[in-house]
Amino acid sequence: MIGVILAGGRSSRMGGGDKGLRALGGGPVLDRVIATMRAQCDDLLLNANGDANRFESYGLPVAPDDLPDYPGPLAGVLAGLDWVAAHRPRCLFVVTAPADTPFIPKDFVARLQDVRAEDRALITCARSGGVSHSIAALWQVALRHDLRKALAQEGLRKVTDFLARHPVAYADWPVRPYDPFFNINTPEDLATAEAIAAGR
């Protein structure tokens, strides 16, 4: 299983910069995401745009979006699928996780795989408290052809619009004592994440 950590967003609500490199509990948010994903995947890949050297200390390959004008998270998914097809051709599925989601559960990948095997879906998304998390998901690598066409030729941008075209299954998690897919979009979210990390 190859894990793709999506760090290619523009972080406009955080005032720019990399959300994954913001400090949380004494270290970058990305440290937590990588540690959790590394324990569940055979290999990891970062999807990020701009100067890849800022992630050099992690020792991970970095795949940027190859579509212009920042078309959104689906471009990061596509970059991950394309990289895996080129570098790990025997890998049939890829799991993606946002770089701003510091509390990803330890059974994230296993439960996505179990649900996919049961439902034979092409995409399996995480869901918590009835809310789906469309880029915390397991994707069939072969979807990259449809995804590129949708992004580059049709101008599709919404993840939910792409999901509507394919069989999708959902793996559920509780939201107590906190939502394991809580993501950091604003300074207020970062403060909330600090409280969760501190057990408050």
C-alpha atoms as a PDB file:
ATOM      1  CA  MET A   1       0.000   0.000   0.000  1.00  0.00           C
ATOM      2  CA  ILE A   2       1.351   3.413  -0.994  1.00  0.00           C
ATOM      3  CA  GLY A   3       0.197   6.404   1.049  1.00  0.00           C
ATOM      4  CA  VAL A   4      -0.039   9.808  -0.607  1.00  0.00           C
ATOM      5  CA  ILE A   5      -0.060  12.792   1.752  1.00  0.00           C
ATOM      6  CA  LEU A   6      -1.743  15.740   0.077  1.00  0.00           C
ATOM      7  CA  ALA A   7       0.105  18.943   0.917  1.00  0.00           C
ATOM      8  CA  GLY A   8      -0.509  20.834  -2.310  1.00  0.00           C
ATOM      9  CA  GLY A   9      -3.224  23.224  -1.119  1.00  0.00           C
ATOM     10  CA  ARG A  10      -2.824  27.001  -1.147  1.00  0.00           C
ATOM     11  CA  SER A  11      -3.802  27.481   2.541  1.00  0.00           C
ATOM     12  CA  SER A  12      -5.641  30.707   1.791  1.00  0.00           C
ATOM     13  CA  ARG A  13      -7.666  30.601   5.030  1.00  0.00           C
ATOM     14  CA  MET A  14      -4.441  30.234   7.017  1.00  0.00           C
ATOM     15  CA  GLY A  15      -2.868  33.207   5.269  1.00  0.00           C
ATOM     16  CA  GLY A  16      -0.735  31.090   2.937  1.00  0.00           C
ATOM     17  CA  GLY A  17       2.202  28.788   3.542  1.00  0.00           C
ATOM     18  CA  ASP A  18       2.101  25.096   4.315  1.00  0.00           C
ATOM     19  CA  LYS A  19      -0.526  24.047   6.824  1.00  0.00           C
ATOM     20  CA  GLY A  20       1.359  20.822   7.363  1.00  0.00           C
ATOM     21  CA  LEU A  21       4.412  22.730   8.564  1.00  0.00           C
ATOM     22  CA  ARG A  22       2.502  24.677  11.225  1.00  0.00           C
ATOM     23  CA  ALA A  23       3.520  23.769  14.759  1.00  0.00           C
ATOM     24  CA  LEU A  24       1.242  21.525  16.793  1.00  0.00           C
ATOM     25  CA  GLY A  25       2.217  20.052  20.139  1.00  0.00           C
ATOM     26  CA  GLY A  26       5.887  20.866  19.709  1.00  0.00           C
ATOM     27  CA  GLY A  27       6.350  19.791  16.086  1.00  0.00           C
ATOM     28  CA  PRO A  28       4.897  20.253  12.611  1.00  0.00           C
ATOM     29  CA  VAL A  29       1.422  18.899  11.900  1.00  0.00           C
ATOM     30  CA  LEU A  30       2.977  16.934   9.045  1.00  0.00           C
ATOM     31  CA  ASP A  31       5.147  14.967  11.500  1.00  0.00           C
ATOM     32  CA  ARG A  32       2.018  13.469  13.016  1.00  0.00           C
ATOM     33  CA  VAL A  33       0.477  12.623   9.657  1.00  0.00           C
ATOM     34  CA  ILE A  34       3.663  10.980   8.382  1.00  0.00           C
ATOM     35  CA  ALA A  35       4.161   8.960  11.575  1.00  0.00           C
ATOM     36  CA  THR A  36       0.615   7.605  11.478  1.00  0.00           C
ATOM     37  CA  MET A  37       0.666   6.855   7.765  1.00  0.00           C
ATOM     38  CA  ARG A  38       4.150   5.319   7.824  1.00  0.00           C
ATOM     39  CA  ALA A  39       2.956   2.736  10.345  1.00  0.00           C
ATOM     40  CA  GLN A  40       0.159   1.683   7.967  1.00  0.00           C
ATOM     41  CA  CYS A  41       1.739   1.892   4.501  1.00  0.00           C
ATOM     42  CA  ASP A  42       4.635   0.251   2.692  1.00  0.00           C
ATOM     43  CA  ASP A  43       5.769   3.566   1.200  1.00  0.00           C
ATOM     44  CA  LEU A  44       4.833   7.228   1.395  1.00  0.00           C
ATOM     45  CA  LEU A  45       4.716  10.038  -1.152  1.00  0.00           C
ATOM     46  CA  LEU A  46       4.144  13.752  -0.645  1.00  0.00           C
ATOM     47  CA  ASN A  47       2.067  15.748  -3.093  1.00  0.00           C
ATOM     48  CA  ALA A  48       3.239  19.346  -2.830  1.00  0.00           C
ATOM     49  CA  ASN A  49       3.799  22.286  -5.137  1.00  0.00           C
ATOM     50  CA  GLY A  50       6.614  24.829  -5.155  1.00  0.00           C
ATOM     51  CA  ASP A  51      10.114  24.226  -3.855  1.00  0.00           C
ATOM     52  CA  ALA A  52      10.340  20.577  -2.785  1.00  0.00           C
ATOM     53  CA  ASN A  53      13.461  21.292  -0.712  1.00  0.00           C
ATOM     54  CA  ARG A  54      11.336  22.506   2.194  1.00  0.00           C
ATOM     55  CA  PHE A  55      10.337  18.863   2.742  1.00  0.00           C
ATOM     56  CA  GLU A  56      13.843  17.461   2.279  1.00  0.00           C
ATOM     57  CA  SER A  57      14.231  16.472   5.929  1.00  0.00           C
ATOM     58  CA  TYR A  58      11.407  13.927   5.580  1.00  0.00           C
ATOM     59  CA  GLY A  59      13.284  11.903   2.977  1.00  0.00           C
ATOM     60  CA  LEU A  60      10.135  11.278   0.933  1.00  0.00           C
ATOM     61  CA  PRO A  61       9.599  11.630  -2.809  1.00  0.00           C
ATOM     62  CA  VAL A  62       7.589  14.737  -3.712  1.00  0.00           C
ATOM     63  CA  ALA A  63       5.169  14.753  -6.647  1.00  0.00           C
ATOM     64  CA  PRO A  64       3.751  18.159  -7.636  1.00  0.00           C
ATOM     65  CA  ASP A  65       0.506  18.753  -9.490  1.00  0.00           C
ATOM     66  CA  ASP A  66       1.101  18.708 -13.233  1.00  0.00           C
ATOM     67  CA  LEU A  67      -2.041  20.664 -14.111  1.00  0.00           C
ATOM     68  CA  PRO A  68      -2.022  24.486 -14.199  1.00  0.00           C
ATOM     69  CA  ASP A  69      -3.937  26.986 -12.056  1.00  0.00           C
ATOM     70  CA  TYR A  70      -4.241  24.899  -8.870  1.00  0.00           C
ATOM     71  CA  PRO A  71      -7.360  22.905  -9.809  1.00  0.00           C
ATOM     72  CA  GLY A  72      -7.817  21.640  -6.254  1.00  0.00           C
ATOM     73  CA  PRO A  73      -7.299  18.426  -4.277  1.00  0.00           C
ATOM     74  CA  LEU A  74      -8.205  16.153  -7.178  1.00  0.00           C
ATOM     75  CA  ALA A  75      -5.033  17.324  -8.919  1.00  0.00           C
ATOM     76  CA  GLY A  76      -3.057  16.092  -5.926  1.00  0.00           C
ATOM     77  CA  VAL A  77      -4.838  12.742  -6.055  1.00  0.00           C
ATOM     78  CA  LEU A  78      -4.009  12.507  -9.755  1.00  0.00           C
ATOM     79  CA  ALA A  79      -0.346  13.323  -9.108  1.00  0.00           C
ATOM     80  CA  GLY A  80      -0.226  10.521  -6.564  1.00  0.00           C
ATOM     81  CA  LEU A  81      -1.934   7.996  -8.837  1.00  0.00           C
ATOM     82  CA  ASP A  82       0.369   8.874 -11.742  1.00  0.00           C
ATOM     83  CA  TRP A  83       3.488   8.592  -9.563  1.00  0.00           C
ATOM     84  CA  VAL A  84       2.443   5.189  -8.250  1.00  0.00           C
ATOM     85  CA  ALA A  85       1.607   3.931 -11.768  1.00  0.00           C
ATOM     86  CA  ALA A  86       5.090   4.959 -12.922  1.00  0.00           C
ATOM     87  CA  HIS A  87       7.134   3.894  -9.889  1.00  0.00           C
ATOM     88  CA  ARG A  88       5.102   1.089  -8.259  1.00  0.00           C
ATOM     89  CA  PRO A  89       3.281  -0.503 -11.218  1.00  0.00           C
ATOM     90  CA  ARG A  90       2.206  -3.570  -9.228  1.00  0.00           C
ATOM     91  CA  CYS A  91       0.290  -1.405  -6.750  1.00  0.00           C
ATOM     92  CA  LEU A  92      -3.424  -1.390  -7.592  1.00  0.00           C
ATOM     93  CA  PHE A  93      -4.689   0.964  -4.878  1.00  0.00           C
ATOM     94  CA  VAL A  94      -3.429   4.133  -3.227  1.00  0.00           C
ATOM     95  CA  VAL A  95      -4.561   5.725   0.012  1.00  0.00           C
ATOM     96  CA  THR A  96      -4.631   9.512   0.312  1.00  0.00           C
ATOM     97  CA  ALA A  97      -4.636  11.657   3.439  1.00  0.00           C
ATOM     98  CA  PRO A  98      -4.579  15.443   3.843  1.00  0.00           C
ATOM     99  CA  ALA A  99      -1.461  16.952   5.402  1.00  0.00           C
ATOM    100  CA  ASP A 100      -3.624  19.103   7.697  1.00  0.00           C
ATOM    101  CA  THR A 101      -5.377  16.195   9.436  1.00  0.00           C
ATOM    102  CA  PRO A 102      -3.217  15.436  12.489  1.00  0.00           C
ATOM    103  CA  PHE A 103      -5.378  12.822  14.231  1.00  0.00           C
ATOM    104  CA  ILE A 104      -5.757  10.172  11.507  1.00  0.00           C
ATOM    105  CA  PRO A 105      -6.753   6.899  13.196  1.00  0.00           C
ATOM    106  CA  LYS A 106      -4.306   4.031  13.525  1.00  0.00           C
ATOM    107  CA  ASP A 107      -6.701   1.688  11.723  1.00  0.00           C
ATOM    108  CA  PHE A 108      -7.317   4.113   8.845  1.00  0.00           C
ATOM    109  CA  VAL A 109      -5.816   2.046   6.015  1.00  0.00           C
ATOM    110  CA  ALA A 110      -6.925  -1.355   7.317  1.00  0.00           C
ATOM    111  CA  ARG A 111     -10.559  -0.332   7.622  1.00  0.00           C
ATOM    112  CA  LEU A 112     -10.602   1.284   4.186  1.00  0.00           C
ATOM    113  CA  GLN A 113      -9.180  -1.922   2.742  1.00  0.00           C
ATOM    114  CA  ASP A 114     -11.721  -4.086   4.557  1.00  0.00           C
ATOM    115  CA  VAL A 115     -14.659  -2.022   3.314  1.00  0.00           C
ATOM    116  CA  ARG A 116     -13.291  -1.936  -0.239  1.00  0.00           C
ATOM    117  CA  ALA A 117     -12.879  -5.712  -0.289  1.00  0.00           C
ATOM    118  CA  GLU A 118     -16.434  -6.181   0.977  1.00  0.00           C
ATOM    119  CA  ASP A 119     -18.096  -3.662  -1.367  1.00  0.00           C
ATOM    120  CA  ARG A 120     -15.665  -3.949  -4.326  1.00  0.00           C
ATOM    121  CA  ALA A 121     -15.759  -0.191  -4.719  1.00  0.00           C
ATOM    122  CA  LEU A 122     -13.286   1.755  -6.852  1.00  0.00           C
ATOM    123  CA  ILE A 123     -13.073   4.464  -4.186  1.00  0.00           C
ATOM    124  CA  THR A 124     -13.507   4.042  -0.434  1.00  0.00           C
ATOM    125  CA  CYS A 125     -13.815   7.194   1.675  1.00  0.00           C
ATOM    126  CA  ALA A 126     -13.526   7.757   5.387  1.00  0.00           C
ATOM    127  CA  ARG A 127     -16.637   8.992   7.166  1.00  0.00           C
ATOM    128  CA  SER A 128     -17.050  10.238  10.729  1.00  0.00           C
ATOM    129  CA  GLY A 129     -20.247  11.277  12.423  1.00  0.00           C
ATOM    130  CA  GLY A 130     -22.056  10.863   9.105  1.00  0.00           C
ATOM    131  CA  VAL A 131     -19.743  13.338   7.343  1.00  0.00           C
ATOM    132  CA  SER A 132     -17.649  11.942   4.499  1.00  0.00           C
ATOM    133  CA  HIS A 133     -14.021  12.916   3.964  1.00  0.00           C
ATOM    134  CA  SER A 134     -13.524  12.567   0.254  1.00  0.00           C
ATOM    135  CA  ILE A 135      -9.744  12.895   0.127  1.00  0.00           C
ATOM    136  CA  ALA A 136      -9.115  10.646   3.124  1.00  0.00           C
ATOM    137  CA  ALA A 137      -9.700   7.722   0.838  1.00  0.00           C
ATOM    138  CA  LEU A 138      -8.568   4.617  -0.991  1.00  0.00           C
ATOM    139  CA  TRP A 139      -8.406   4.963  -4.809  1.00  0.00           C
ATOM    140  CA  GLN A 140      -7.963   2.441  -7.578  1.00  0.00           C
ATOM    141  CA  VAL A 141      -4.844   3.513  -9.499  1.00  0.00           C
ATOM    142  CA  ALA A 142      -6.554   2.811 -12.846  1.00  0.00           C
ATOM    143  CA  LEU A 143      -8.955   5.701 -12.128  1.00  0.00           C
ATOM    144  CA  ARG A 144      -6.173   8.102 -13.066  1.00  0.00           C
ATOM    145  CA  HIS A 145      -7.211   8.069 -16.738  1.00  0.00           C
ATOM    146  CA  ASP A 146     -10.796   9.103 -15.970  1.00  0.00           C
ATOM    147  CA  LEU A 147      -9.561  11.622 -13.423  1.00  0.00           C
ATOM    148  CA  ARG A 148      -7.160  13.299 -15.852  1.00  0.00           C
ATOM    149  CA  LYS A 149      -9.868  13.573 -18.480  1.00  0.00           C
ATOM    150  CA  ALA A 150     -12.312  15.049 -15.954  1.00  0.00           C
ATOM    151  CA  LEU A 151      -9.792  17.637 -14.744  1.00  0.00           C
ATOM    152  CA  ALA A 152      -7.975  18.572 -17.951  1.00  0.00           C
ATOM    153  CA  GLN A 153     -10.716  18.272 -20.546  1.00  0.00           C
ATOM    154  CA  GLU A 154     -13.973  18.779 -18.658  1.00  0.00           C
ATOM    155  CA  GLY A 155     -12.818  21.312 -16.081  1.00  0.00           C
ATOM    156  CA  LEU A 156     -14.251  19.287 -13.195  1.00  0.00           C
ATOM    157  CA  ARG A 157     -13.088  20.577  -9.801  1.00  0.00           C
ATOM    158  CA  LYS A 158     -15.338  19.225  -7.049  1.00  0.00           C
ATOM    159  CA  VAL A 159     -14.260  15.954  -5.510  1.00  0.00           C
ATOM    160  CA  THR A 160     -17.891  14.983  -4.878  1.00  0.00           C
ATOM    161  CA  ASP A 161     -18.677  15.400  -8.597  1.00  0.00           C
ATOM    162  CA  PHE A 162     -15.969  12.914  -9.480  1.00  0.00           C
ATOM    163  CA  LEU A 163     -17.072  10.481  -6.774  1.00  0.00           C
ATOM    164  CA  ALA A 164     -20.605  10.564  -8.173  1.00  0.00           C
ATOM    165  CA  ARG A 165     -19.306   8.943 -11.360  1.00  0.00           C
ATOM    166  CA  HIS A 166     -17.869   5.838  -9.715  1.00  0.00           C
ATOM    167  CA  PRO A 167     -18.779   3.141  -7.174  1.00  0.00           C
ATOM    168  CA  VAL A 168     -17.916   4.549  -3.739  1.00  0.00           C
ATOM    169  CA  ALA A 169     -17.995   2.856  -0.336  1.00  0.00           C
ATOM    170  CA  TYR A 170     -17.593   4.403   3.120  1.00  0.00           C
ATOM    171  CA  ALA A 171     -15.739   3.334   6.247  1.00  0.00           C
ATOM    172  CA  ASP A 172     -17.151   4.851   9.435  1.00  0.00           C
ATOM    173  CA  TRP A 173     -15.466   6.173  12.575  1.00  0.00           C
ATOM    174  CA  PRO A 174     -16.974   7.756  15.716  1.00  0.00           C
ATOM    175  CA  VAL A 175     -16.395  11.419  16.559  1.00  0.00           C
ATOM    176  CA  ARG A 176     -15.930  10.894  20.301  1.00  0.00           C
ATOM    177  CA  PRO A 177     -13.840  11.937  22.117  1.00  0.00           C
ATOM    178  CA  TYR A 178     -12.877  13.931  18.992  1.00  0.00           C
ATOM    179  CA  ASP A 179     -13.242  13.642  15.233  1.00  0.00           C
ATOM    180  CA  PRO A 180     -10.206  11.697  13.949  1.00  0.00           C
ATOM    181  CA  PHE A 181     -10.532  13.537  10.626  1.00  0.00           C
ATOM    182  CA  PHE A 182     -10.562  17.023  12.112  1.00  0.00           C
ATOM    183  CA  ASN A 183      -8.597  19.190   9.712  1.00  0.00           C
ATOM    184  CA  ILE A 184      -6.873  22.521  10.175  1.00  0.00           C
ATOM    185  CA  ASN A 185      -8.029  25.293   7.837  1.00  0.00           C
ATOM    186  CA  THR A 186      -7.890  28.401  10.019  1.00  0.00           C
ATOM    187  CA  PRO A 187      -5.923  29.726  13.008  1.00  0.00           C
ATOM    188  CA  GLU A 188      -8.948  28.878  15.150  1.00  0.00           C
ATOM    189  CA  ASP A 189      -8.796  25.282  13.939  1.00  0.00           C
ATOM    190  CA  LEU A 190      -5.135  25.148  14.907  1.00  0.00           C
ATOM    191  CA  ALA A 191      -6.034  26.286  18.434  1.00  0.00           C
ATOM    192  CA  THR A 192      -8.695  23.572  18.606  1.00  0.00           C
ATOM    193  CA  ALA A 193      -6.166  20.979  17.419  1.00  0.00           C
ATOM    194  CA  GLU A 194      -3.784  22.117  20.179  1.00  0.00           C
ATOM    195  CA  ALA A 195      -6.518  21.508  22.737  1.00  0.00           C
ATOM    196  CA  ILE A 196      -7.241  18.037  21.311  1.00  0.00           C
ATOM    197  CA  ALA A 197      -3.527  17.162  21.270  1.00  0.00           C
ATOM    198  CA  ALA A 198      -3.229  18.275  24.887  1.00  0.00           C
ATOM    199  CA  GLY A 199      -6.190  16.090  25.849  1.00  0.00           C
ATOM    200  CA  ARG A 200      -8.401  19.003  26.850  1.00  0.00           C
END
